[in-house]
Structure formats: C-alpha cells, structure tokens
mmCIF file of all heavy atoms, coordinates in Angstrom:
data_MODEL
# 
_entry.id   MODEL 
# 
loop_
_atom_site.group_PDB 
_atom_site.id 
_atom_site.type_symbol 
_atom_site.label_atom_id 
_atom_site.label_alt_id 
_atom_site.label_comp_id 
_atom_site.label_asym_id 
_atom_site.label_entity_id 
_atom_site.label_seq_id 
_atom_site.pdbx_PDB_ins_code 
_atom_site.Cartn_x 
_atom_site.Cartn_y 
_atom_site.Cartn_z 
_atom_site.occupancy 
_atom_site.B_iso_or_equiv 
_atom_site.pdbx_formal_charge 
_atom_site.auth_seq_id 
_atom_site.auth_comp_id 
_atom_site.auth_asym_id 
_atom_site.auth_atom_id 
_atom_site.pdbx_PDB_model_num 
ATOM 1   N N   . ALA A 1 1  ? 24.092 17.587 -28.934 1.00 0.00 ? 1  ALA A N   1 
ATOM 2   C CA  . ALA A 1 1  ? 25.119 18.591 -29.181 1.00 0.00 ? 1  ALA A CA  1 
ATOM 3   C C   . ALA A 1 1  ? 25.790 18.470 -30.563 1.00 0.00 ? 1  ALA A C   1 
ATOM 4   O O   . ALA A 1 1  ? 26.352 19.433 -31.139 1.00 0.00 ? 1  ALA A O   1 
ATOM 5   C CB  . ALA A 1 1  ? 26.218 18.475 -28.122 1.00 0.00 ? 1  ALA A CB  1 
ATOM 6   N N   . ALA A 1 2  ? 25.662 17.259 -31.268 1.00 0.00 ? 2  ALA A N   1 
ATOM 7   C CA  . ALA A 1 2  ? 26.241 17.054 -32.505 1.00 0.00 ? 2  ALA A CA  1 
ATOM 8   C C   . ALA A 1 2  ? 25.406 17.638 -33.707 1.00 0.00 ? 2  ALA A C   1 
ATOM 9   O O   . ALA A 1 2  ? 25.916 17.734 -34.801 1.00 0.00 ? 2  ALA A O   1 
ATOM 10  C CB  . ALA A 1 2  ? 26.443 15.505 -32.779 1.00 0.00 ? 2  ALA A CB  1 
ATOM 11  N N   . ARG A 1 3  ? 24.150 18.052 -33.456 1.00 0.00 ? 3  ARG A N   1 
ATOM 12  C CA  . ARG A 1 3  ? 23.349 18.677 -34.441 1.00 0.00 ? 3  ARG A CA  1 
ATOM 13  C C   . ARG A 1 3  ? 23.849 20.062 -34.812 1.00 0.00 ? 3  ARG A C   1 
ATOM 14  O O   . ARG A 1 3  ? 24.461 20.756 -33.978 1.00 0.00 ? 3  ARG A O   1 
ATOM 15  C CB  . ARG A 1 3  ? 21.889 18.697 -33.985 1.00 0.00 ? 3  ARG A CB  1 
ATOM 16  C CG  . ARG A 1 3  ? 21.290 17.355 -33.674 1.00 0.00 ? 3  ARG A CG  1 
ATOM 17  C CD  . ARG A 1 3  ? 19.914 17.437 -33.238 1.00 0.00 ? 3  ARG A CD  1 
ATOM 18  N NE  . ARG A 1 3  ? 19.003 18.040 -34.152 1.00 0.00 ? 3  ARG A NE  1 
ATOM 19  C CZ  . ARG A 1 3  ? 17.744 18.457 -33.897 1.00 0.00 ? 3  ARG A CZ  1 
ATOM 20  N NH1 . ARG A 1 3  ? 17.238 18.262 -32.703 1.00 0.00 ? 3  ARG A NH1 1 
ATOM 21  N NH2 . ARG A 1 3  ? 16.973 19.000 -34.831 1.00 0.00 ? 3  ARG A NH2 1 
ATOM 22  N N   . PRO A 1 4  ? 23.515 20.536 -36.009 1.00 0.00 ? 4  PRO A N   1 
ATOM 23  C CA  . PRO A 1 4  ? 23.876 21.863 -36.383 1.00 0.00 ? 4  PRO A CA  1 
ATOM 24  C C   . PRO A 1 4  ? 23.194 22.920 -35.549 1.00 0.00 ? 4  PRO A C   1 
ATOM 25  O O   . PRO A 1 4  ? 22.073 22.698 -35.005 1.00 0.00 ? 4  PRO A O   1 
ATOM 26  C CB  . PRO A 1 4  ? 23.338 21.950 -37.817 1.00 0.00 ? 4  PRO A CB  1 
ATOM 27  C CG  . PRO A 1 4  ? 23.220 20.514 -38.315 1.00 0.00 ? 4  PRO A CG  1 
ATOM 28  C CD  . PRO A 1 4  ? 22.899 19.731 -37.059 1.00 0.00 ? 4  PRO A CD  1 
ATOM 29  N N   . PRO A 1 5  ? 23.868 23.986 -35.217 1.00 0.00 ? 5  PRO A N   1 
ATOM 30  C CA  . PRO A 1 5  ? 23.300 25.054 -34.302 1.00 0.00 ? 5  PRO A CA  1 
ATOM 31  C C   . PRO A 1 5  ? 21.926 25.533 -34.768 1.00 0.00 ? 5  PRO A C   1 
ATOM 32  O O   . PRO A 1 5  ? 21.050 25.780 -33.926 1.00 0.00 ? 5  PRO A O   1 
ATOM 33  C CB  . PRO A 1 5  ? 24.375 26.146 -34.444 1.00 0.00 ? 5  PRO A CB  1 
ATOM 34  C CG  . PRO A 1 5  ? 25.659 25.539 -34.746 1.00 0.00 ? 5  PRO A CG  1 
ATOM 35  C CD  . PRO A 1 5  ? 25.237 24.341 -35.680 1.00 0.00 ? 5  PRO A CD  1 
ATOM 36  N N   . ALA A 1 6  ? 21.684 25.642 -36.091 1.00 0.00 ? 6  ALA A N   1 
ATOM 37  C CA  . ALA A 1 6  ? 20.416 26.099 -36.611 1.00 0.00 ? 6  ALA A CA  1 
ATOM 38  C C   . ALA A 1 6  ? 19.280 25.156 -36.197 1.00 0.00 ? 6  ALA A C   1 
ATOM 39  O O   . ALA A 1 6  ? 18.081 25.511 -35.815 1.00 0.00 ? 6  ALA A O   1 
ATOM 40  C CB  . ALA A 1 6  ? 20.422 26.321 -38.114 1.00 0.00 ? 6  ALA A CB  1 
ATOM 41  N N   . GLU A 1 7  ? 19.515 23.875 -36.237 1.00 0.00 ? 7  GLU A N   1 
ATOM 42  C CA  . GLU A 1 7  ? 18.572 22.882 -35.867 1.00 0.00 ? 7  GLU A CA  1 
ATOM 43  C C   . GLU A 1 7  ? 18.289 22.954 -34.328 1.00 0.00 ? 7  GLU A C   1 
ATOM 44  O O   . GLU A 1 7  ? 17.185 22.737 -33.869 1.00 0.00 ? 7  GLU A O   1 
ATOM 45  C CB  . GLU A 1 7  ? 18.991 21.483 -36.306 1.00 0.00 ? 7  GLU A CB  1 
ATOM 46  C CG  . GLU A 1 7  ? 19.008 21.237 -37.828 1.00 0.00 ? 7  GLU A CG  1 
ATOM 47  C CD  . GLU A 1 7  ? 19.433 19.892 -38.167 1.00 0.00 ? 7  GLU A CD  1 
ATOM 48  O OE1 . GLU A 1 7  ? 19.468 19.009 -37.217 1.00 0.00 ? 7  GLU A OE1 1 
ATOM 49  O OE2 . GLU A 1 7  ? 19.626 19.563 -39.336 1.00 0.00 ? 7  GLU A OE2 1 
ATOM 50  N N   . ILE A 1 8  ? 19.344 23.233 -33.616 1.00 0.00 ? 8  ILE A N   1 
ATOM 51  C CA  . ILE A 1 8  ? 19.212 23.184 -32.094 1.00 0.00 ? 8  ILE A CA  1 
ATOM 52  C C   . ILE A 1 8  ? 18.388 24.433 -31.800 1.00 0.00 ? 8  ILE A C   1 
ATOM 53  O O   . ILE A 1 8  ? 17.488 24.312 -30.880 1.00 0.00 ? 8  ILE A O   1 
ATOM 54  C CB  . ILE A 1 8  ? 20.666 23.321 -31.487 1.00 0.00 ? 8  ILE A CB  1 
ATOM 55  C CG1 . ILE A 1 8  ? 21.304 21.987 -31.656 1.00 0.00 ? 8  ILE A CG1 1 
ATOM 56  C CG2 . ILE A 1 8  ? 20.442 23.670 -29.997 1.00 0.00 ? 8  ILE A CG2 1 
ATOM 57  C CD1 . ILE A 1 8  ? 22.801 22.015 -31.110 1.00 0.00 ? 8  ILE A CD1 1 
ATOM 58  N N   . VAL A 1 9  ? 18.606 25.545 -32.430 1.00 0.00 ? 9  VAL A N   1 
ATOM 59  C CA  . VAL A 1 9  ? 17.783 26.781 -32.152 1.00 0.00 ? 9  VAL A CA  1 
ATOM 60  C C   . VAL A 1 9  ? 16.340 26.462 -32.539 1.00 0.00 ? 9  VAL A C   1 
ATOM 61  O O   . VAL A 1 9  ? 15.442 26.850 -31.770 1.00 0.00 ? 9  VAL A O   1 
ATOM 62  C CB  . VAL A 1 9  ? 18.404 27.975 -32.924 1.00 0.00 ? 9  VAL A CB  1 
ATOM 63  C CG1 . VAL A 1 9  ? 17.381 29.153 -32.878 1.00 0.00 ? 9  VAL A CG1 1 
ATOM 64  C CG2 . VAL A 1 9  ? 19.719 28.362 -32.380 1.00 0.00 ? 9  VAL A CG2 1 
ATOM 65  N N   . ALA A 1 10 ? 16.101 25.810 -33.610 1.00 0.00 ? 10 ALA A N   1 
ATOM 66  C CA  . ALA A 1 10 ? 14.705 25.570 -34.032 1.00 0.00 ? 10 ALA A CA  1 
ATOM 67  C C   . ALA A 1 10 ? 14.086 24.632 -32.944 1.00 0.00 ? 10 ALA A C   1 
ATOM 68  O O   . ALA A 1 10 ? 12.931 24.856 -32.692 1.00 0.00 ? 10 ALA A O   1 
ATOM 69  C CB  . ALA A 1 10 ? 14.660 24.978 -35.421 1.00 0.00 ? 10 ALA A CB  1 
ATOM 70  N N   . GLN A 1 11 ? 14.819 23.679 -32.473 1.00 0.00 ? 11 GLN A N   1 
ATOM 71  C CA  . GLN A 1 11 ? 14.247 22.704 -31.460 1.00 0.00 ? 11 GLN A CA  1 
ATOM 72  C C   . GLN A 1 11 ? 13.891 23.489 -30.189 1.00 0.00 ? 11 GLN A C   1 
ATOM 73  O O   . GLN A 1 11 ? 12.840 23.273 -29.615 1.00 0.00 ? 11 GLN A O   1 
ATOM 74  C CB  . GLN A 1 11 ? 15.273 21.646 -31.135 1.00 0.00 ? 11 GLN A CB  1 
ATOM 75  C CG  . GLN A 1 11 ? 14.728 20.717 -30.114 1.00 0.00 ? 11 GLN A CG  1 
ATOM 76  C CD  . GLN A 1 11 ? 15.829 19.630 -29.650 1.00 0.00 ? 11 GLN A CD  1 
ATOM 77  O OE1 . GLN A 1 11 ? 16.878 19.556 -30.295 1.00 0.00 ? 11 GLN A OE1 1 
ATOM 78  N NE2 . GLN A 1 11 ? 15.546 18.835 -28.621 1.00 0.00 ? 11 GLN A NE2 1 
ATOM 79  N N   . VAL A 1 12 ? 14.793 24.400 -29.749 1.00 0.00 ? 12 VAL A N   1 
ATOM 80  C CA  . VAL A 1 12 ? 14.531 25.136 -28.576 1.00 0.00 ? 12 VAL A CA  1 
ATOM 81  C C   . VAL A 1 12 ? 13.312 26.096 -28.737 1.00 0.00 ? 12 VAL A C   1 
ATOM 82  O O   . VAL A 1 12 ? 12.458 26.209 -27.794 1.00 0.00 ? 12 VAL A O   1 
ATOM 83  C CB  . VAL A 1 12 ? 15.734 25.948 -28.166 1.00 0.00 ? 12 VAL A CB  1 
ATOM 84  C CG1 . VAL A 1 12 ? 15.393 26.837 -26.950 1.00 0.00 ? 12 VAL A CG1 1 
ATOM 85  C CG2 . VAL A 1 12 ? 16.854 24.967 -27.751 1.00 0.00 ? 12 VAL A CG2 1 
ATOM 86  N N   . LEU A 1 13 ? 13.235 26.637 -29.843 1.00 0.00 ? 13 LEU A N   1 
ATOM 87  C CA  . LEU A 1 13 ? 12.039 27.538 -30.177 1.00 0.00 ? 13 LEU A CA  1 
ATOM 88  C C   . LEU A 1 13 ? 10.785 26.763 -30.116 1.00 0.00 ? 13 LEU A C   1 
ATOM 89  O O   . LEU A 1 13 ? 9.703  27.288 -29.687 1.00 0.00 ? 13 LEU A O   1 
ATOM 90  C CB  . LEU A 1 13 ? 12.191 28.185 -31.560 1.00 0.00 ? 13 LEU A CB  1 
ATOM 91  C CG  . LEU A 1 13 ? 13.169 29.468 -31.642 1.00 0.00 ? 13 LEU A CG  1 
ATOM 92  C CD1 . LEU A 1 13 ? 13.356 29.844 -33.162 1.00 0.00 ? 13 LEU A CD1 1 
ATOM 93  C CD2 . LEU A 1 13 ? 12.506 30.603 -30.883 1.00 0.00 ? 13 LEU A CD2 1 
ATOM 94  N N   . ALA A 1 14 ? 10.794 25.590 -30.641 1.00 0.00 ? 14 ALA A N   1 
ATOM 95  C CA  . ALA A 1 14 ? 9.550  24.743 -30.753 1.00 0.00 ? 14 ALA A CA  1 
ATOM 96  C C   . ALA A 1 14 ? 9.169  24.070 -29.345 1.00 0.00 ? 14 ALA A C   1 
ATOM 97  O O   . ALA A 1 14 ? 8.034  23.615 -29.197 1.00 0.00 ? 14 ALA A O   1 
ATOM 98  C CB  . ALA A 1 14 ? 9.727  23.714 -31.821 1.00 0.00 ? 14 ALA A CB  1 
ATOM 99  N N   . SER A 1 15 ? 10.183 24.022 -28.499 1.00 0.00 ? 15 SER A N   1 
ATOM 100 C CA  . SER A 1 15 ? 9.946  23.273 -27.298 1.00 0.00 ? 15 SER A CA  1 
ATOM 101 C C   . SER A 1 15 ? 9.157  24.085 -26.274 1.00 0.00 ? 15 SER A C   1 
ATOM 102 O O   . SER A 1 15 ? 9.280  25.290 -26.114 1.00 0.00 ? 15 SER A O   1 
ATOM 103 C CB  . SER A 1 15 ? 11.266 22.976 -26.632 1.00 0.00 ? 15 SER A CB  1 
ATOM 104 O OG  . SER A 1 15 ? 11.122 22.293 -25.347 1.00 0.00 ? 15 SER A OG  1 
ATOM 105 N N   . PRO A 1 16 ? 8.233  23.465 -25.462 1.00 0.00 ? 16 PRO A N   1 
ATOM 106 C CA  . PRO A 1 16 ? 7.517  24.103 -24.376 1.00 0.00 ? 16 PRO A CA  1 
ATOM 107 C C   . PRO A 1 16 ? 8.342  24.409 -23.193 1.00 0.00 ? 16 PRO A C   1 
ATOM 108 O O   . PRO A 1 16 ? 7.844  25.003 -22.183 1.00 0.00 ? 16 PRO A O   1 
ATOM 109 C CB  . PRO A 1 16 ? 6.366  23.228 -24.171 1.00 0.00 ? 16 PRO A CB  1 
ATOM 110 C CG  . PRO A 1 16 ? 6.863  21.841 -24.430 1.00 0.00 ? 16 PRO A CG  1 
ATOM 111 C CD  . PRO A 1 16 ? 7.828  22.021 -25.630 1.00 0.00 ? 16 PRO A CD  1 
ATOM 112 N N   . HIS A 1 17 ? 9.593  23.847 -23.134 1.00 0.00 ? 17 HIS A N   1 
ATOM 113 C CA  . HIS A 1 17 ? 10.433 23.868 -21.939 1.00 0.00 ? 17 HIS A CA  1 
ATOM 114 C C   . HIS A 1 17 ? 11.474 24.945 -22.086 1.00 0.00 ? 17 HIS A C   1 
ATOM 115 O O   . HIS A 1 17 ? 11.984 25.237 -23.190 1.00 0.00 ? 17 HIS A O   1 
ATOM 116 C CB  . HIS A 1 17 ? 11.052 22.530 -21.683 1.00 0.00 ? 17 HIS A CB  1 
ATOM 117 C CG  . HIS A 1 17 ? 10.159 21.369 -21.672 1.00 0.00 ? 17 HIS A CG  1 
ATOM 118 N ND1 . HIS A 1 17 ? 9.076  21.224 -20.784 1.00 0.00 ? 17 HIS A ND1 1 
ATOM 119 C CD2 . HIS A 1 17 ? 10.022 20.308 -22.562 1.00 0.00 ? 17 HIS A CD2 1 
ATOM 120 C CE1 . HIS A 1 17 ? 8.472  20.129 -21.019 1.00 0.00 ? 17 HIS A CE1 1 
ATOM 121 N NE2 . HIS A 1 17 ? 8.983  19.525 -22.063 1.00 0.00 ? 17 HIS A NE2 1 
ATOM 122 N N   . THR A 1 18 ? 11.872 25.526 -20.954 1.00 0.00 ? 18 THR A N   1 
ATOM 123 C CA  . THR A 1 18 ? 12.908 26.574 -20.979 1.00 0.00 ? 18 THR A CA  1 
ATOM 124 C C   . THR A 1 18 ? 14.285 25.957 -20.717 1.00 0.00 ? 18 THR A C   1 
ATOM 125 O O   . THR A 1 18 ? 15.270 26.603 -21.017 1.00 0.00 ? 18 THR A O   1 
ATOM 126 C CB  . THR A 1 18 ? 12.607 27.646 -19.998 1.00 0.00 ? 18 THR A CB  1 
ATOM 127 O OG1 . THR A 1 18 ? 12.499 27.051 -18.628 1.00 0.00 ? 18 THR A OG1 1 
ATOM 128 C CG2 . THR A 1 18 ? 11.328 28.390 -20.293 1.00 0.00 ? 18 THR A CG2 1 
ATOM 129 N N   . ARG A 1 19 ? 14.391 24.791 -20.074 1.00 0.00 ? 19 ARG A N   1 
ATOM 130 C CA  . ARG A 1 19 ? 15.681 24.125 -19.829 1.00 0.00 ? 19 ARG A CA  1 
ATOM 131 C C   . ARG A 1 19 ? 15.697 22.760 -20.454 1.00 0.00 ? 19 ARG A C   1 
ATOM 132 O O   . ARG A 1 19 ? 14.701 21.959 -20.269 1.00 0.00 ? 19 ARG A O   1 
ATOM 133 C CB  . ARG A 1 19 ? 15.806 24.055 -18.259 1.00 0.00 ? 19 ARG A CB  1 
ATOM 134 C CG  . ARG A 1 19 ? 15.868 25.362 -17.524 1.00 0.00 ? 19 ARG A CG  1 
ATOM 135 C CD  . ARG A 1 19 ? 15.802 25.131 -16.006 1.00 0.00 ? 19 ARG A CD  1 
ATOM 136 N NE  . ARG A 1 19 ? 15.863 26.352 -15.294 1.00 0.00 ? 19 ARG A NE  1 
ATOM 137 C CZ  . ARG A 1 19 ? 14.777 27.128 -14.994 1.00 0.00 ? 19 ARG A CZ  1 
ATOM 138 N NH1 . ARG A 1 19 ? 13.579 26.725 -15.307 1.00 0.00 ? 19 ARG A NH1 1 
ATOM 139 N NH2 . ARG A 1 19 ? 14.924 28.199 -14.333 1.00 0.00 ? 19 ARG A NH2 1 
ATOM 140 N N   . LEU A 1 20 ? 16.745 22.559 -21.221 1.00 0.00 ? 20 LEU A N   1 
ATOM 141 C CA  . LEU A 1 20 ? 16.882 21.253 -21.951 1.00 0.00 ? 20 LEU A CA  1 
ATOM 142 C C   . LEU A 1 20 ? 18.208 20.699 -21.697 1.00 0.00 ? 20 LEU A C   1 
ATOM 143 O O   . LEU A 1 20 ? 19.247 21.409 -21.913 1.00 0.00 ? 20 LEU A O   1 
ATOM 144 C CB  . LEU A 1 20 ? 16.617 21.475 -23.397 1.00 0.00 ? 20 LEU A CB  1 
ATOM 145 C CG  . LEU A 1 20 ? 15.240 21.881 -23.860 1.00 0.00 ? 20 LEU A CG  1 
ATOM 146 C CD1 . LEU A 1 20 ? 15.199 22.205 -25.347 1.00 0.00 ? 20 LEU A CD1 1 
ATOM 147 C CD2 . LEU A 1 20 ? 14.148 20.910 -23.479 1.00 0.00 ? 20 LEU A CD2 1 
ATOM 148 N N   . PRO A 1 21 ? 18.366 19.381 -21.307 1.00 0.00 ? 21 PRO A N   1 
ATOM 149 C CA  . PRO A 1 21 ? 19.668 18.752 -21.137 1.00 0.00 ? 21 PRO A CA  1 
ATOM 150 C C   . PRO A 1 21 ? 20.350 18.568 -22.519 1.00 0.00 ? 21 PRO A C   1 
ATOM 151 O O   . PRO A 1 21 ? 19.676 18.347 -23.548 1.00 0.00 ? 21 PRO A O   1 
ATOM 152 C CB  . PRO A 1 21 ? 19.308 17.386 -20.487 1.00 0.00 ? 21 PRO A CB  1 
ATOM 153 C CG  . PRO A 1 21 ? 17.906 17.607 -20.000 1.00 0.00 ? 21 PRO A CG  1 
ATOM 154 C CD  . PRO A 1 21 ? 17.201 18.514 -20.882 1.00 0.00 ? 21 PRO A CD  1 
ATOM 155 N N   . VAL A 1 22 ? 21.668 18.720 -22.492 1.00 0.00 ? 22 VAL A N   1 
ATOM 156 C CA  . VAL A 1 22 ? 22.463 18.506 -23.661 1.00 0.00 ? 22 VAL A CA  1 
ATOM 157 C C   . VAL A 1 22 ? 23.299 17.245 -23.514 1.00 0.00 ? 22 VAL A C   1 
ATOM 158 O O   . VAL A 1 22 ? 23.939 17.053 -22.532 1.00 0.00 ? 22 VAL A O   1 
ATOM 159 C CB  . VAL A 1 22 ? 23.419 19.781 -23.916 1.00 0.00 ? 22 VAL A CB  1 
ATOM 160 C CG1 . VAL A 1 22 ? 24.246 19.558 -25.209 1.00 0.00 ? 22 VAL A CG1 1 
ATOM 161 C CG2 . VAL A 1 22 ? 22.600 21.042 -23.966 1.00 0.00 ? 22 VAL A CG2 1 
ATOM 162 N N   . PHE A 1 23 ? 23.292 16.454 -24.601 1.00 0.00 ? 23 PHE A N   1 
ATOM 163 C CA  . PHE A 1 23 ? 24.074 15.169 -24.503 1.00 0.00 ? 23 PHE A CA  1 
ATOM 164 C C   . PHE A 1 23 ? 24.873 15.057 -25.817 1.00 0.00 ? 23 PHE A C   1 
ATOM 165 O O   . PHE A 1 23 ? 24.627 15.740 -26.814 1.00 0.00 ? 23 PHE A O   1 
ATOM 166 C CB  . PHE A 1 23 ? 23.130 13.959 -24.437 1.00 0.00 ? 23 PHE A CB  1 
ATOM 167 C CG  . PHE A 1 23 ? 22.380 13.627 -25.580 1.00 0.00 ? 23 PHE A CG  1 
ATOM 168 C CD1 . PHE A 1 23 ? 22.864 12.614 -26.482 1.00 0.00 ? 23 PHE A CD1 1 
ATOM 169 C CD2 . PHE A 1 23 ? 21.123 14.209 -25.889 1.00 0.00 ? 23 PHE A CD2 1 
ATOM 170 C CE1 . PHE A 1 23 ? 22.124 12.314 -27.658 1.00 0.00 ? 23 PHE A CE1 1 
ATOM 171 C CE2 . PHE A 1 23 ? 20.376 13.821 -27.010 1.00 0.00 ? 23 PHE A CE2 1 
ATOM 172 C CZ  . PHE A 1 23 ? 20.882 12.949 -27.882 1.00 0.00 ? 23 PHE A CZ  1 
ATOM 173 N N   . ARG A 1 24 ? 25.862 14.225 -25.710 1.00 0.00 ? 24 ARG A N   1 
ATOM 174 C CA  . ARG A 1 24 ? 26.637 13.930 -26.829 1.00 0.00 ? 24 ARG A CA  1 
ATOM 175 C C   . ARG A 1 24 ? 26.845 12.375 -26.957 1.00 0.00 ? 24 ARG A C   1 
ATOM 176 O O   . ARG A 1 24 ? 27.181 11.750 -25.968 1.00 0.00 ? 24 ARG A O   1 
ATOM 177 C CB  . ARG A 1 24 ? 27.989 14.586 -26.836 1.00 0.00 ? 24 ARG A CB  1 
ATOM 178 C CG  . ARG A 1 24 ? 28.886 14.390 -28.171 1.00 0.00 ? 24 ARG A CG  1 
ATOM 179 C CD  . ARG A 1 24 ? 30.236 14.980 -27.975 1.00 0.00 ? 24 ARG A CD  1 
ATOM 180 N NE  . ARG A 1 24 ? 30.243 16.397 -27.686 1.00 0.00 ? 24 ARG A NE  1 
ATOM 181 C CZ  . ARG A 1 24 ? 30.248 17.337 -28.431 1.00 0.00 ? 24 ARG A CZ  1 
ATOM 182 N NH1 . ARG A 1 24 ? 30.121 17.106 -29.680 1.00 0.00 ? 24 ARG A NH1 1 
ATOM 183 N NH2 . ARG A 1 24 ? 30.235 18.636 -28.099 1.00 0.00 ? 24 ARG A NH2 1 
ATOM 184 N N   . GLY A 1 25 ? 26.574 11.818 -28.127 1.00 0.00 ? 25 GLY A N   1 
ATOM 185 C CA  . GLY A 1 25 ? 26.781 10.386 -28.316 1.00 0.00 ? 25 GLY A CA  1 
ATOM 186 C C   . GLY A 1 25 ? 25.530 9.615  -27.896 1.00 0.00 ? 25 GLY A C   1 
ATOM 187 O O   . GLY A 1 25 ? 24.757 9.060  -28.673 1.00 0.00 ? 25 GLY A O   1 
ATOM 188 N N   . ASN A 1 26 ? 25.263 9.481  -26.647 1.00 0.00 ? 26 ASN A N   1 
ATOM 189 C CA  . ASN A 1 26 ? 24.049 8.818  -26.033 1.00 0.00 ? 26 ASN A CA  1 
ATOM 190 C C   . ASN A 1 26 ? 23.557 9.695  -24.914 1.00 0.00 ? 26 ASN A C   1 
ATOM 191 O O   . ASN A 1 26 ? 24.188 10.514 -24.377 1.00 0.00 ? 26 ASN A O   1 
ATOM 192 C CB  . ASN A 1 26 ? 24.360 7.391  -25.653 1.00 0.00 ? 26 ASN A CB  1 
ATOM 193 C CG  . ASN A 1 26 ? 25.442 7.362  -24.472 1.00 0.00 ? 26 ASN A CG  1 
ATOM 194 O OD1 . ASN A 1 26 ? 25.079 7.619  -23.312 1.00 0.00 ? 26 ASN A OD1 1 
ATOM 195 N ND2 . ASN A 1 26 ? 26.634 7.030  -24.842 1.00 0.00 ? 26 ASN A ND2 1 
ATOM 196 N N   . ASP A 1 27 ? 22.251 9.432  -24.599 1.00 0.00 ? 27 ASP A N   1 
ATOM 197 C CA  . ASP A 1 27 ? 21.553 10.271 -23.650 1.00 0.00 ? 27 ASP A CA  1 
ATOM 198 C C   . ASP A 1 27 ? 21.993 10.066 -22.203 1.00 0.00 ? 27 ASP A C   1 
ATOM 199 O O   . ASP A 1 27 ? 21.519 10.712 -21.348 1.00 0.00 ? 27 ASP A O   1 
ATOM 200 C CB  . ASP A 1 27 ? 20.015 10.058 -23.729 1.00 0.00 ? 27 ASP A CB  1 
ATOM 201 C CG  . ASP A 1 27 ? 19.601 8.586  -23.624 1.00 0.00 ? 27 ASP A CG  1 
ATOM 202 O OD1 . ASP A 1 27 ? 20.460 7.825  -23.195 1.00 0.00 ? 27 ASP A OD1 1 
ATOM 203 O OD2 . ASP A 1 27 ? 18.459 8.286  -23.805 1.00 0.00 ? 27 ASP A OD2 1 
ATOM 204 N N   . GLU A 1 28 ? 22.959 9.157  -22.004 1.00 0.00 ? 28 GLU A N   1 
ATOM 205 C CA  . GLU A 1 28 ? 23.542 8.970  -20.666 1.00 0.00 ? 28 GLU A CA  1 
ATOM 206 C C   . GLU A 1 28 ? 24.652 9.968  -20.413 1.00 0.00 ? 28 GLU A C   1 
ATOM 207 O O   . GLU A 1 28 ? 25.034 10.294 -19.405 1.00 0.00 ? 28 GLU A O   1 
ATOM 208 C CB  . GLU A 1 28 ? 24.086 7.560  -20.439 1.00 0.00 ? 28 GLU A CB  1 
ATOM 209 C CG  . GLU A 1 28 ? 23.002 6.471  -20.345 1.00 0.00 ? 28 GLU A CG  1 
ATOM 210 C CD  . GLU A 1 28 ? 22.272 6.549  -19.013 1.00 0.00 ? 28 GLU A CD  1 
ATOM 211 O OE1 . GLU A 1 28 ? 22.747 7.158  -18.070 1.00 0.00 ? 28 GLU A OE1 1 
ATOM 212 O OE2 . GLU A 1 28 ? 21.207 5.923  -18.926 1.00 0.00 ? 28 GLU A OE2 1 
ATOM 213 N N   . ASN A 1 29 ? 25.240 10.457 -21.592 1.00 0.00 ? 29 ASN A N   1 
ATOM 214 C CA  . ASN A 1 29 ? 26.355 11.350 -21.495 1.00 0.00 ? 29 ASN A CA  1 
ATOM 215 C C   . ASN A 1 29 ? 25.879 12.800 -21.476 1.00 0.00 ? 29 ASN A C   1 
ATOM 216 O O   . ASN A 1 29 ? 25.985 13.548 -22.507 1.00 0.00 ? 29 ASN A O   1 
ATOM 217 C CB  . ASN A 1 29 ? 27.252 11.135 -22.678 1.00 0.00 ? 29 ASN A CB  1 
ATOM 218 C CG  . ASN A 1 29 ? 28.585 11.940 -22.650 1.00 0.00 ? 29 ASN A CG  1 
ATOM 219 O OD1 . ASN A 1 29 ? 29.033 12.287 -21.515 1.00 0.00 ? 29 ASN A OD1 1 
ATOM 220 N ND2 . ASN A 1 29 ? 29.138 12.261 -23.759 1.00 0.00 ? 29 ASN A ND2 1 
ATOM 221 N N   . ILE A 1 30 ? 25.326 13.234 -20.324 1.00 0.00 ? 30 ILE A N   1 
ATOM 222 C CA  . ILE A 1 30 ? 24.813 14.618 -20.185 1.00 0.00 ? 30 ILE A CA  1 
ATOM 223 C C   . ILE A 1 30 ? 25.956 15.602 -20.005 1.00 0.00 ? 30 ILE A C   1 
ATOM 224 O O   . ILE A 1 30 ? 26.803 15.473 -19.080 1.00 0.00 ? 30 ILE A O   1 
ATOM 225 C CB  . ILE A 1 30 ? 23.754 14.645 -19.044 1.00 0.00 ? 30 ILE A CB  1 
ATOM 226 C CG1 . ILE A 1 30 ? 22.683 13.640 -19.162 1.00 0.00 ? 30 ILE A CG1 1 
ATOM 227 C CG2 . ILE A 1 30 ? 23.198 16.086 -18.966 1.00 0.00 ? 30 ILE A CG2 1 
ATOM 228 C CD1 . ILE A 1 30 ? 21.787 13.830 -20.353 1.00 0.00 ? 30 ILE A CD1 1 
# 
C-alpha cells in the first residue's frame, strides 16, 4: 500500500490474478 498508485496499477495490470492482498509495512499486516 505504500507504493505510488501508478506502480500499483501497473502491478495489477501485469498480474495474472484478479484478487491481490494489500499489506502495509510487512506482509503479515494484511
């Protein structure tokens, strides 16, 4: 969640998945 919105959009576009968990700080903090 700390990444810029444009990078997040690019990541979702490139991902083969339609649902992606969002975390902040570490991947345990979903």
